[in-house]
Amino acid sequence: MKLPDFSDLVIFENDDYLVVNKPPFLATLDERVGGAPNMLRLARQHYDDIQAAHRLDRETSGALAFAKTPEAYRHLAMQFENREVKKQYHAVVWGTPQFDNQVVERSIENTTRGKARLAYKGKAAETHFTTLENFTRHSLILCEPITGRMHQIRLHLMYLQAPIVGDTLYGGEDFSSHP
């Protein structure tokens, strides 16, 4: 994978924060094994003490916020912890569900090797889903996670029997392999 020019990813910047458009298939932080490139390493090539204020799954693209100072990091971290940040994602899923602010409250626990699963003894997780548009065999879904568990949207869509297209880890076959 050819790494992007970090300056081309910048959406917003001021003295305290930096927001970038994270491309898919690039981790936010160091992964458990190996020294693969990630967004934090790219950011630290330009800003010595920058911290990622949250994470996006490796496969996910979207706005990723960094804090340039410890004070800014604490401020943003508290907003995430207190659920004051409204997060919205779009997903293309298999099927044509008619979600109208469909709420899924299913606990999630992490398993080995970077996977997660729905589990009663896991951490509470809540996501709201709304269908934006249906197509012949798939749909565009607005996903609004209230909590921020690993693979939360992917697992909750699998639970609703509307897996994300291409997400083979959680039941979403590729376009080429689906009937």
N, C-alpha and C. Protein backbone atom coordinates (compact mmCIF):
# COMPACT_ATOMS: atom_id res chain seq x y z
N MET A 1 0.84 -1.18 0.00
CA MET A 1 0.00 0.00 0.00
C MET A 1 0.88 1.24 0.00
N LYS A 2 0.63 2.12 -0.92
CA LYS A 2 1.37 3.38 -1.00
C LYS A 2 0.78 4.33 0.05
N LEU A 3 1.65 4.85 0.90
CA LEU A 3 1.18 5.75 1.96
C LEU A 3 0.80 7.10 1.36
N PRO A 4 -0.28 7.69 1.87
CA PRO A 4 -0.69 9.00 1.38
C PRO A 4 0.23 10.09 1.92
N ASP A 5 0.24 11.23 1.26
CA ASP A 5 0.94 12.41 1.78
C ASP A 5 0.08 12.94 2.92
N PHE A 6 0.62 12.96 4.12
CA PHE A 6 -0.16 13.31 5.31
C PHE A 6 -0.83 14.67 5.16
N SER A 7 -0.15 15.64 4.59
CA SER A 7 -0.72 16.99 4.46
C SER A 7 -1.97 16.99 3.57
N ASP A 8 -2.09 16.02 2.67
CA ASP A 8 -3.29 15.92 1.81
C ASP A 8 -4.50 15.41 2.59
N LEU A 9 -4.28 14.83 3.75
CA LEU A 9 -5.37 14.25 4.55
C LEU A 9 -6.01 15.24 5.51
N VAL A 10 -5.38 16.39 5.73
CA VAL A 10 -5.84 17.35 6.74
C VAL A 10 -7.17 17.98 6.33
N ILE A 11 -8.15 17.88 7.24
CA ILE A 11 -9.48 18.48 7.06
C ILE A 11 -9.57 19.79 7.83
N PHE A 12 -9.01 19.79 9.05
CA PHE A 12 -9.09 20.95 9.95
C PHE A 12 -7.84 20.98 10.82
N GLU A 13 -7.38 22.19 11.13
CA GLU A 13 -6.24 22.33 12.03
C GLU A 13 -6.29 23.68 12.71
N ASN A 14 -6.01 23.66 14.03
CA ASN A 14 -5.77 24.90 14.78
C ASN A 14 -4.65 24.62 15.77
N ASP A 15 -4.45 25.49 16.75
CA ASP A 15 -3.33 25.33 17.68
C ASP A 15 -3.47 24.08 18.56
N ASP A 16 -4.69 23.61 18.78
CA ASP A 16 -4.94 22.49 19.69
C ASP A 16 -5.25 21.16 19.01
N TYR A 17 -5.90 21.21 17.84
CA TYR A 17 -6.41 19.98 17.23
C TYR A 17 -6.02 19.87 15.76
N LEU A 18 -6.01 18.64 15.32
CA LEU A 18 -5.79 18.31 13.92
C LEU A 18 -6.79 17.22 13.57
N VAL A 19 -7.57 17.41 12.51
CA VAL A 19 -8.53 16.40 12.06
C VAL A 19 -8.13 16.00 10.65
N VAL A 20 -7.99 14.70 10.45
CA VAL A 20 -7.58 14.19 9.14
C VAL A 20 -8.62 13.21 8.61
N ASN A 21 -8.61 13.02 7.30
CA ASN A 21 -9.46 12.04 6.65
C ASN A 21 -8.66 10.74 6.55
N LYS A 22 -8.88 9.83 7.51
CA LYS A 22 -8.13 8.57 7.56
C LYS A 22 -8.57 7.68 6.40
N PRO A 23 -7.61 7.23 5.60
CA PRO A 23 -7.97 6.31 4.52
C PRO A 23 -8.22 4.90 5.07
N PRO A 24 -8.94 4.06 4.32
CA PRO A 24 -9.15 2.69 4.77
C PRO A 24 -7.85 1.90 4.70
N PHE A 25 -7.81 0.82 5.47
CA PHE A 25 -6.70 -0.14 5.50
C PHE A 25 -5.41 0.44 6.05
N LEU A 26 -5.53 1.45 6.91
CA LEU A 26 -4.40 2.02 7.63
C LEU A 26 -4.84 2.15 9.08
N ALA A 27 -4.13 1.50 10.00
CA ALA A 27 -4.52 1.51 11.41
C ALA A 27 -4.37 2.91 12.00
N THR A 28 -5.14 3.18 13.06
CA THR A 28 -5.01 4.44 13.78
C THR A 28 -3.75 4.43 14.63
N LEU A 29 -3.54 3.35 15.39
CA LEU A 29 -2.40 3.21 16.31
C LEU A 29 -1.58 1.98 15.94
N ASP A 30 -0.50 1.75 16.67
CA ASP A 30 0.29 0.54 16.46
C ASP A 30 -0.59 -0.68 16.67
N GLU A 31 -0.46 -1.65 15.78
CA GLU A 31 -1.19 -2.89 15.95
C GLU A 31 -0.43 -3.79 16.91
N ARG A 32 -1.06 -4.86 17.35
CA ARG A 32 -0.47 -5.73 18.37
C ARG A 32 0.86 -6.34 17.95
N VAL A 33 1.02 -6.64 16.69
CA VAL A 33 2.27 -7.23 16.22
C VAL A 33 2.74 -6.48 14.98
N GLY A 34 4.03 -6.48 14.78
CA GLY A 34 4.60 -5.85 13.59
C GLY A 34 4.71 -4.34 13.72
N GLY A 35 5.39 -3.75 12.79
CA GLY A 35 5.61 -2.31 12.81
C GLY A 35 5.01 -1.63 11.60
N ALA A 36 3.80 -2.03 11.22
CA ALA A 36 3.16 -1.46 10.03
C ALA A 36 2.90 0.03 10.24
N PRO A 37 2.91 0.78 9.16
CA PRO A 37 2.60 2.21 9.27
C PRO A 37 1.20 2.41 9.85
N ASN A 38 1.00 3.53 10.53
CA ASN A 38 -0.31 3.86 11.07
C ASN A 38 -0.46 5.38 11.11
N MET A 39 -1.65 5.84 11.37
CA MET A 39 -1.94 7.27 11.35
C MET A 39 -1.17 8.04 12.40
N LEU A 40 -1.02 7.49 13.60
CA LEU A 40 -0.28 8.19 14.65
C LEU A 40 1.18 8.37 14.26
N ARG A 41 1.80 7.34 13.70
CA ARG A 41 3.19 7.47 13.25
C ARG A 41 3.33 8.53 12.16
N LEU A 42 2.39 8.55 11.22
CA LEU A 42 2.43 9.57 10.17
C LEU A 42 2.28 10.97 10.76
N ALA A 43 1.36 11.12 11.71
CA ALA A 43 1.16 12.43 12.34
C ALA A 43 2.40 12.87 13.11
N ARG A 44 3.07 11.93 13.77
CA ARG A 44 4.25 12.29 14.57
C ARG A 44 5.47 12.64 13.72
N GLN A 45 5.40 12.39 12.43
CA GLN A 45 6.46 12.88 11.55
C GLN A 45 6.36 14.39 11.38
N HIS A 46 5.19 14.95 11.71
CA HIS A 46 4.95 16.39 11.56
C HIS A 46 4.78 17.09 12.91
N TYR A 47 4.31 16.37 13.93
CA TYR A 47 4.03 16.94 15.25
C TYR A 47 4.53 15.96 16.30
N ASP A 48 5.52 16.37 17.09
CA ASP A 48 6.20 15.47 18.02
C ASP A 48 5.28 14.82 19.07
N ASP A 49 4.47 15.62 19.73
CA ASP A 49 3.71 15.14 20.89
C ASP A 49 2.23 14.91 20.63
N ILE A 50 1.84 14.76 19.38
CA ILE A 50 0.42 14.61 19.04
C ILE A 50 -0.12 13.27 19.54
N GLN A 51 -1.40 13.27 19.91
CA GLN A 51 -2.07 12.05 20.40
C GLN A 51 -3.37 11.85 19.64
N ALA A 52 -3.68 10.60 19.31
CA ALA A 52 -4.98 10.28 18.71
C ALA A 52 -6.04 10.36 19.80
N ALA A 53 -7.10 11.10 19.55
CA ALA A 53 -8.15 11.30 20.55
C ALA A 53 -9.15 10.14 20.58
N HIS A 54 -9.17 9.33 19.52
CA HIS A 54 -10.06 8.18 19.42
C HIS A 54 -9.49 7.27 18.34
N ARG A 55 -10.17 6.19 18.04
CA ARG A 55 -9.70 5.25 17.01
C ARG A 55 -10.79 4.99 16.00
N LEU A 56 -10.34 4.64 14.81
CA LEU A 56 -11.23 4.09 13.78
C LEU A 56 -10.65 2.73 13.41
N ASP A 57 -11.52 1.77 13.14
CA ASP A 57 -11.04 0.46 12.71
C ASP A 57 -10.12 0.61 11.51
N ARG A 58 -9.19 -0.29 11.39
CA ARG A 58 -8.22 -0.27 10.29
C ARG A 58 -8.92 -0.16 8.93
N GLU A 59 -10.01 -0.89 8.75
CA GLU A 59 -10.72 -0.92 7.46
C GLU A 59 -11.57 0.32 7.21
N THR A 60 -11.79 1.13 8.24
CA THR A 60 -12.71 2.25 8.17
C THR A 60 -12.00 3.53 7.74
N SER A 61 -12.67 4.28 6.86
CA SER A 61 -12.19 5.61 6.50
C SER A 61 -13.06 6.63 7.21
N GLY A 62 -12.53 7.85 7.40
CA GLY A 62 -13.33 8.90 8.01
C GLY A 62 -12.51 9.86 8.82
N ALA A 63 -13.20 10.80 9.45
CA ALA A 63 -12.55 11.86 10.23
C ALA A 63 -11.93 11.29 11.50
N LEU A 64 -10.65 11.58 11.68
CA LEU A 64 -9.89 11.13 12.85
C LEU A 64 -9.29 12.36 13.52
N ALA A 65 -9.59 12.54 14.80
CA ALA A 65 -9.14 13.73 15.54
C ALA A 65 -7.89 13.43 16.35
N PHE A 66 -6.95 14.36 16.26
CA PHE A 66 -5.72 14.32 17.05
C PHE A 66 -5.67 15.56 17.94
N ALA A 67 -5.04 15.42 19.10
CA ALA A 67 -4.81 16.54 20.00
C ALA A 67 -3.33 16.88 19.99
N LYS A 68 -3.03 18.17 19.91
CA LYS A 68 -1.63 18.62 19.83
C LYS A 68 -1.01 18.88 21.20
N THR A 69 -1.84 19.03 22.22
CA THR A 69 -1.34 19.31 23.57
C THR A 69 -2.01 18.36 24.56
N PRO A 70 -1.38 18.14 25.72
CA PRO A 70 -2.03 17.30 26.74
C PRO A 70 -3.39 17.85 27.18
N GLU A 71 -3.50 19.17 27.30
CA GLU A 71 -4.78 19.78 27.71
C GLU A 71 -5.87 19.52 26.67
N ALA A 72 -5.51 19.69 25.41
CA ALA A 72 -6.48 19.44 24.33
C ALA A 72 -6.88 17.97 24.31
N TYR A 73 -5.93 17.07 24.55
CA TYR A 73 -6.24 15.64 24.58
C TYR A 73 -7.22 15.33 25.70
N ARG A 74 -6.97 15.85 26.91
CA ARG A 74 -7.87 15.61 28.04
C ARG A 74 -9.27 16.14 27.73
N HIS A 75 -9.35 17.34 27.14
CA HIS A 75 -10.63 17.95 26.81
C HIS A 75 -11.42 17.07 25.83
N LEU A 76 -10.77 16.62 24.78
CA LEU A 76 -11.45 15.80 23.78
C LEU A 76 -11.76 14.41 24.31
N ALA A 77 -10.83 13.83 25.06
CA ALA A 77 -11.05 12.50 25.65
C ALA A 77 -12.28 12.51 26.57
N MET A 78 -12.44 13.59 27.33
CA MET A 78 -13.60 13.69 28.23
C MET A 78 -14.90 13.80 27.42
N GLN A 79 -14.87 14.49 26.29
CA GLN A 79 -16.06 14.59 25.46
C GLN A 79 -16.46 13.21 24.92
N PHE A 80 -15.47 12.42 24.51
CA PHE A 80 -15.77 11.06 24.05
C PHE A 80 -16.28 10.21 25.21
N GLU A 81 -15.62 10.29 26.36
CA GLU A 81 -16.01 9.49 27.52
C GLU A 81 -17.42 9.83 27.99
N ASN A 82 -17.78 11.11 27.93
CA ASN A 82 -19.11 11.54 28.37
C ASN A 82 -20.15 11.45 27.26
N ARG A 83 -19.76 10.87 26.14
CA ARG A 83 -20.64 10.64 24.99
C ARG A 83 -21.26 11.95 24.47
N GLU A 84 -20.43 12.98 24.45
CA GLU A 84 -20.86 14.28 23.93
C GLU A 84 -20.54 14.42 22.44
N VAL A 85 -19.75 13.50 21.91
CA VAL A 85 -19.39 13.52 20.49
C VAL A 85 -20.40 12.68 19.74
N LYS A 86 -21.01 13.25 18.70
CA LYS A 86 -21.96 12.51 17.89
C LYS A 86 -21.19 11.91 16.72
N LYS A 87 -21.21 10.57 16.64
CA LYS A 87 -20.48 9.86 15.60
C LYS A 87 -21.46 9.33 14.57
N GLN A 88 -21.13 9.54 13.29
CA GLN A 88 -21.96 9.02 12.22
C GLN A 88 -21.07 8.33 11.20
N TYR A 89 -21.51 7.15 10.78
CA TYR A 89 -20.80 6.37 9.77
C TYR A 89 -21.81 5.93 8.72
N HIS A 90 -21.32 5.68 7.52
CA HIS A 90 -22.15 5.12 6.46
C HIS A 90 -21.60 3.73 6.13
N ALA A 91 -22.51 2.79 5.91
CA ALA A 91 -22.12 1.42 5.56
C ALA A 91 -23.00 0.93 4.43
N VAL A 92 -22.40 0.20 3.50
CA VAL A 92 -23.15 -0.48 2.45
C VAL A 92 -23.30 -1.93 2.92
N VAL A 93 -24.54 -2.37 3.04
CA VAL A 93 -24.82 -3.70 3.57
C VAL A 93 -25.56 -4.55 2.55
N TRP A 94 -25.49 -5.87 2.76
CA TRP A 94 -26.26 -6.79 1.94
C TRP A 94 -27.71 -6.76 2.39
N GLY A 95 -28.63 -6.85 1.43
CA GLY A 95 -30.05 -6.87 1.72
C GLY A 95 -30.65 -5.48 1.61
N THR A 96 -31.96 -5.43 1.83
CA THR A 96 -32.68 -4.16 1.74
C THR A 96 -33.51 -3.92 3.01
N PRO A 97 -32.83 -3.82 4.15
CA PRO A 97 -33.56 -3.60 5.40
C PRO A 97 -34.19 -2.20 5.42
N GLN A 98 -35.24 -2.08 6.20
CA GLN A 98 -35.92 -0.80 6.37
C GLN A 98 -35.73 -0.34 7.82
N PHE A 99 -34.54 0.12 8.14
CA PHE A 99 -34.26 0.59 9.50
C PHE A 99 -34.69 2.05 9.63
N ASP A 100 -35.44 2.34 10.68
CA ASP A 100 -35.84 3.71 10.99
C ASP A 100 -35.44 3.98 12.44
N ASN A 101 -34.21 4.41 12.61
CA ASN A 101 -33.62 4.58 13.94
C ASN A 101 -33.71 3.29 14.75
N GLN A 102 -33.39 2.17 14.09
CA GLN A 102 -33.35 0.85 14.72
C GLN A 102 -32.24 0.85 15.77
N VAL A 103 -32.57 0.51 17.00
CA VAL A 103 -31.59 0.51 18.09
C VAL A 103 -31.17 -0.92 18.38
N VAL A 104 -29.85 -1.13 18.43
CA VAL A 104 -29.30 -2.42 18.85
C VAL A 104 -28.51 -2.19 20.12
N GLU A 105 -28.88 -2.89 21.18
CA GLU A 105 -28.16 -2.85 22.44
C GLU A 105 -27.71 -4.27 22.75
N ARG A 106 -26.53 -4.60 22.28
CA ARG A 106 -25.95 -5.94 22.48
C ARG A 106 -24.52 -5.76 22.96
N SER A 107 -24.19 -6.39 24.06
CA SER A 107 -22.85 -6.28 24.64
C SER A 107 -21.81 -6.95 23.75
N ILE A 108 -20.58 -6.45 23.84
CA ILE A 108 -19.48 -6.93 23.01
C ILE A 108 -18.28 -7.23 23.88
N GLU A 109 -17.61 -8.34 23.57
CA GLU A 109 -16.34 -8.64 24.23
C GLU A 109 -15.28 -8.91 23.17
N ASN A 110 -14.06 -8.48 23.46
CA ASN A 110 -12.95 -8.74 22.55
C ASN A 110 -12.51 -10.19 22.72
N THR A 111 -12.09 -10.79 21.61
CA THR A 111 -11.56 -12.15 21.65
C THR A 111 -10.10 -12.07 21.22
N THR A 112 -9.53 -13.18 20.89
CA THR A 112 -8.14 -13.20 20.49
C THR A 112 -7.97 -12.72 19.05
N ARG A 113 -6.78 -12.31 18.73
CA ARG A 113 -6.38 -11.94 17.37
C ARG A 113 -7.23 -10.86 16.72
N GLY A 114 -7.58 -9.83 17.47
CA GLY A 114 -8.23 -8.69 16.88
C GLY A 114 -9.68 -8.87 16.47
N LYS A 115 -10.35 -9.84 17.05
CA LYS A 115 -11.78 -10.03 16.76
C LYS A 115 -12.60 -9.70 18.00
N ALA A 116 -13.89 -9.56 17.78
CA ALA A 116 -14.81 -9.33 18.89
C ALA A 116 -16.05 -10.16 18.63
N ARG A 117 -16.90 -10.29 19.67
CA ARG A 117 -18.14 -11.04 19.50
C ARG A 117 -19.20 -10.48 20.44
N LEU A 118 -20.44 -10.75 20.09
CA LEU A 118 -21.55 -10.39 20.97
C LEU A 118 -21.52 -11.35 22.15
N ALA A 119 -21.67 -10.82 23.36
CA ALA A 119 -21.60 -11.67 24.55
C ALA A 119 -22.30 -10.99 25.72
N TYR A 120 -23.08 -11.76 26.47
CA TYR A 120 -23.78 -11.20 27.62
C TYR A 120 -22.83 -10.61 28.65
N LYS A 121 -21.65 -11.23 28.80
CA LYS A 121 -20.71 -10.75 29.82
C LYS A 121 -19.77 -9.67 29.28
N GLY A 122 -20.00 -9.23 28.05
CA GLY A 122 -19.16 -8.19 27.44
C GLY A 122 -19.54 -6.81 27.94
N LYS A 123 -18.94 -5.80 27.31
CA LYS A 123 -19.22 -4.41 27.66
C LYS A 123 -20.45 -3.93 26.88
N ALA A 124 -21.26 -3.11 27.53
CA ALA A 124 -22.48 -2.60 26.91
C ALA A 124 -22.14 -1.85 25.63
N ALA A 125 -22.97 -2.05 24.60
CA ALA A 125 -22.77 -1.38 23.32
C ALA A 125 -24.13 -1.04 22.73
N GLU A 126 -24.25 0.18 22.20
CA GLU A 126 -25.51 0.63 21.61
C GLU A 126 -25.23 1.35 20.30
N THR A 127 -26.01 0.98 19.26
CA THR A 127 -25.89 1.61 17.95
C THR A 127 -27.29 1.84 17.39
N HIS A 128 -27.47 2.98 16.69
CA HIS A 128 -28.72 3.30 16.01
C HIS A 128 -28.48 3.20 14.51
N PHE A 129 -29.44 2.62 13.78
CA PHE A 129 -29.31 2.42 12.34
C PHE A 129 -30.53 2.99 11.61
N THR A 130 -30.27 3.69 10.51
CA THR A 130 -31.33 4.22 9.65
C THR A 130 -30.97 3.93 8.20
N THR A 131 -31.92 3.36 7.47
CA THR A 131 -31.70 3.10 6.05
C THR A 131 -31.80 4.43 5.30
N LEU A 132 -30.76 4.75 4.54
CA LEU A 132 -30.76 5.97 3.73
C LEU A 132 -31.26 5.70 2.32
N GLU A 133 -30.89 4.53 1.77
CA GLU A 133 -31.33 4.20 0.42
C GLU A 133 -31.19 2.69 0.20
N ASN A 134 -32.21 2.12 -0.45
CA ASN A 134 -32.17 0.71 -0.83
C ASN A 134 -31.88 0.60 -2.32
N PHE A 135 -31.08 -0.40 -2.66
CA PHE A 135 -30.78 -0.71 -4.06
C PHE A 135 -31.31 -2.12 -4.32
N THR A 136 -30.93 -2.73 -5.42
CA THR A 136 -31.46 -4.04 -5.75
C THR A 136 -31.08 -5.10 -4.72
N ARG A 137 -29.79 -5.19 -4.37
CA ARG A 137 -29.34 -6.25 -3.45
C ARG A 137 -28.62 -5.72 -2.22
N HIS A 138 -28.48 -4.41 -2.10
CA HIS A 138 -27.78 -3.85 -0.95
C HIS A 138 -28.38 -2.50 -0.60
N SER A 139 -27.93 -1.95 0.54
CA SER A 139 -28.49 -0.69 1.05
C SER A 139 -27.40 0.17 1.66
N LEU A 140 -27.67 1.46 1.67
CA LEU A 140 -26.80 2.42 2.34
C LEU A 140 -27.43 2.73 3.69
N ILE A 141 -26.66 2.51 4.75
CA ILE A 141 -27.17 2.63 6.12
C ILE A 141 -26.39 3.71 6.87
N LEU A 142 -27.11 4.56 7.59
CA LEU A 142 -26.51 5.51 8.53
C LEU A 142 -26.36 4.79 9.86
N CYS A 143 -25.14 4.77 10.39
CA CYS A 143 -24.83 4.08 11.64
C CYS A 143 -24.38 5.12 12.66
N GLU A 144 -25.04 5.13 13.82
CA GLU A 144 -24.71 6.09 14.86
C GLU A 144 -24.41 5.35 16.17
N PRO A 145 -23.13 5.03 16.40
CA PRO A 145 -22.78 4.34 17.64
C PRO A 145 -22.83 5.31 18.83
N ILE A 146 -23.46 4.88 19.88
CA ILE A 146 -23.50 5.66 21.11
C ILE A 146 -22.26 5.35 21.95
N THR A 147 -21.92 4.07 22.01
CA THR A 147 -20.69 3.63 22.68
C THR A 147 -19.62 3.44 21.61
N GLY A 148 -18.44 3.05 22.00
CA GLY A 148 -17.35 2.90 21.04
C GLY A 148 -16.57 1.62 21.23
N ARG A 149 -17.21 0.49 21.06
CA ARG A 149 -16.54 -0.81 21.21
C ARG A 149 -15.89 -1.24 19.90
N MET A 150 -14.88 -2.11 20.03
CA MET A 150 -14.20 -2.62 18.85
C MET A 150 -15.17 -3.37 17.95
N HIS A 151 -15.19 -3.01 16.67
CA HIS A 151 -16.00 -3.64 15.64
C HIS A 151 -17.50 -3.56 15.93
N GLN A 152 -17.91 -2.56 16.72
CA GLN A 152 -19.30 -2.45 17.17
C GLN A 152 -20.30 -2.40 16.02
N ILE A 153 -20.10 -1.51 15.06
CA ILE A 153 -21.06 -1.38 13.95
C ILE A 153 -21.11 -2.67 13.16
N ARG A 154 -19.95 -3.24 12.89
CA ARG A 154 -19.88 -4.48 12.11
C ARG A 154 -20.65 -5.61 12.79
N LEU A 155 -20.45 -5.76 14.10
CA LEU A 155 -21.13 -6.81 14.86
C LEU A 155 -22.63 -6.57 14.94
N HIS A 156 -23.04 -5.32 15.18
CA HIS A 156 -24.46 -5.03 15.32
C HIS A 156 -25.19 -5.19 13.98
N LEU A 157 -24.53 -4.84 12.87
CA LEU A 157 -25.16 -5.08 11.57
C LEU A 157 -25.25 -6.58 11.27
N MET A 158 -24.24 -7.34 11.65
CA MET A 158 -24.31 -8.79 11.50
C MET A 158 -25.50 -9.33 12.31
N TYR A 159 -25.67 -8.84 13.53
CA TYR A 159 -26.78 -9.25 14.40
C TYR A 159 -28.13 -8.97 13.72
N LEU A 160 -28.23 -7.85 13.00
CA LEU A 160 -29.45 -7.48 12.29
C LEU A 160 -29.60 -8.21 10.95
N GLN A 161 -28.66 -9.11 10.66
CA GLN A 161 -28.63 -9.87 9.41
C GLN A 161 -28.51 -8.96 8.19
N ALA A 162 -27.69 -7.91 8.36
CA ALA A 162 -27.39 -6.97 7.28
C ALA A 162 -25.88 -6.68 7.31
N PRO A 163 -25.06 -7.72 7.03
CA PRO A 163 -23.61 -7.52 7.14
C PRO A 163 -23.08 -6.55 6.09
N ILE A 164 -21.98 -5.91 6.43
CA ILE A 164 -21.34 -4.94 5.53
C ILE A 164 -20.74 -5.68 4.34
N VAL A 165 -20.97 -5.14 3.16
CA VAL A 165 -20.41 -5.71 1.93
C VAL A 165 -18.88 -5.73 2.05
N GLY A 166 -18.29 -6.87 1.79
CA GLY A 166 -16.85 -7.02 1.83
C GLY A 166 -16.27 -7.33 3.20
N ASP A 167 -17.08 -7.30 4.25
CA ASP A 167 -16.59 -7.58 5.60
C ASP A 167 -16.69 -9.08 5.87
N THR A 168 -15.76 -9.83 5.31
CA THR A 168 -15.79 -11.29 5.41
C THR A 168 -15.60 -11.78 6.84
N LEU A 169 -15.02 -10.96 7.71
CA LEU A 169 -14.82 -11.36 9.11
C LEU A 169 -16.16 -11.51 9.83
N TYR A 170 -17.15 -10.69 9.44
CA TYR A 170 -18.44 -10.70 10.12
C TYR A 170 -19.61 -10.93 9.14
N GLY A 171 -19.42 -11.83 8.19
CA GLY A 171 -20.51 -12.30 7.34
C GLY A 171 -20.82 -11.51 6.09
N GLY A 172 -20.05 -10.52 5.75
CA GLY A 172 -20.33 -9.70 4.58
C GLY A 172 -19.49 -10.08 3.38
N GLU A 173 -20.01 -10.93 2.55
CA GLU A 173 -19.26 -11.39 1.37
C GLU A 173 -18.94 -10.24 0.43
N ASP A 174 -17.93 -10.46 -0.41
CA ASP A 174 -17.59 -9.50 -1.44
C ASP A 174 -18.67 -9.49 -2.52
N PHE A 175 -18.71 -8.42 -3.31
CA PHE A 175 -19.66 -8.34 -4.44
C PHE A 175 -19.51 -9.54 -5.37
N SER A 176 -18.26 -9.91 -5.65
CA SER A 176 -18.01 -10.97 -6.64
C SER A 176 -18.49 -12.35 -6.18
N SER A 177 -18.58 -12.59 -4.88
CA SER A 177 -18.95 -13.92 -4.41
C SER A 177 -20.41 -14.02 -3.98
N HIS A 178 -21.15 -12.91 -4.03
CA HIS A 178 -22.54 -12.94 -3.61
C HIS A 178 -23.44 -13.22 -4.81
N PRO A 179 -24.47 -14.06 -4.64
CA PRO A 179 -25.36 -14.41 -5.76
C PRO A 179 -26.12 -13.21 -6.30
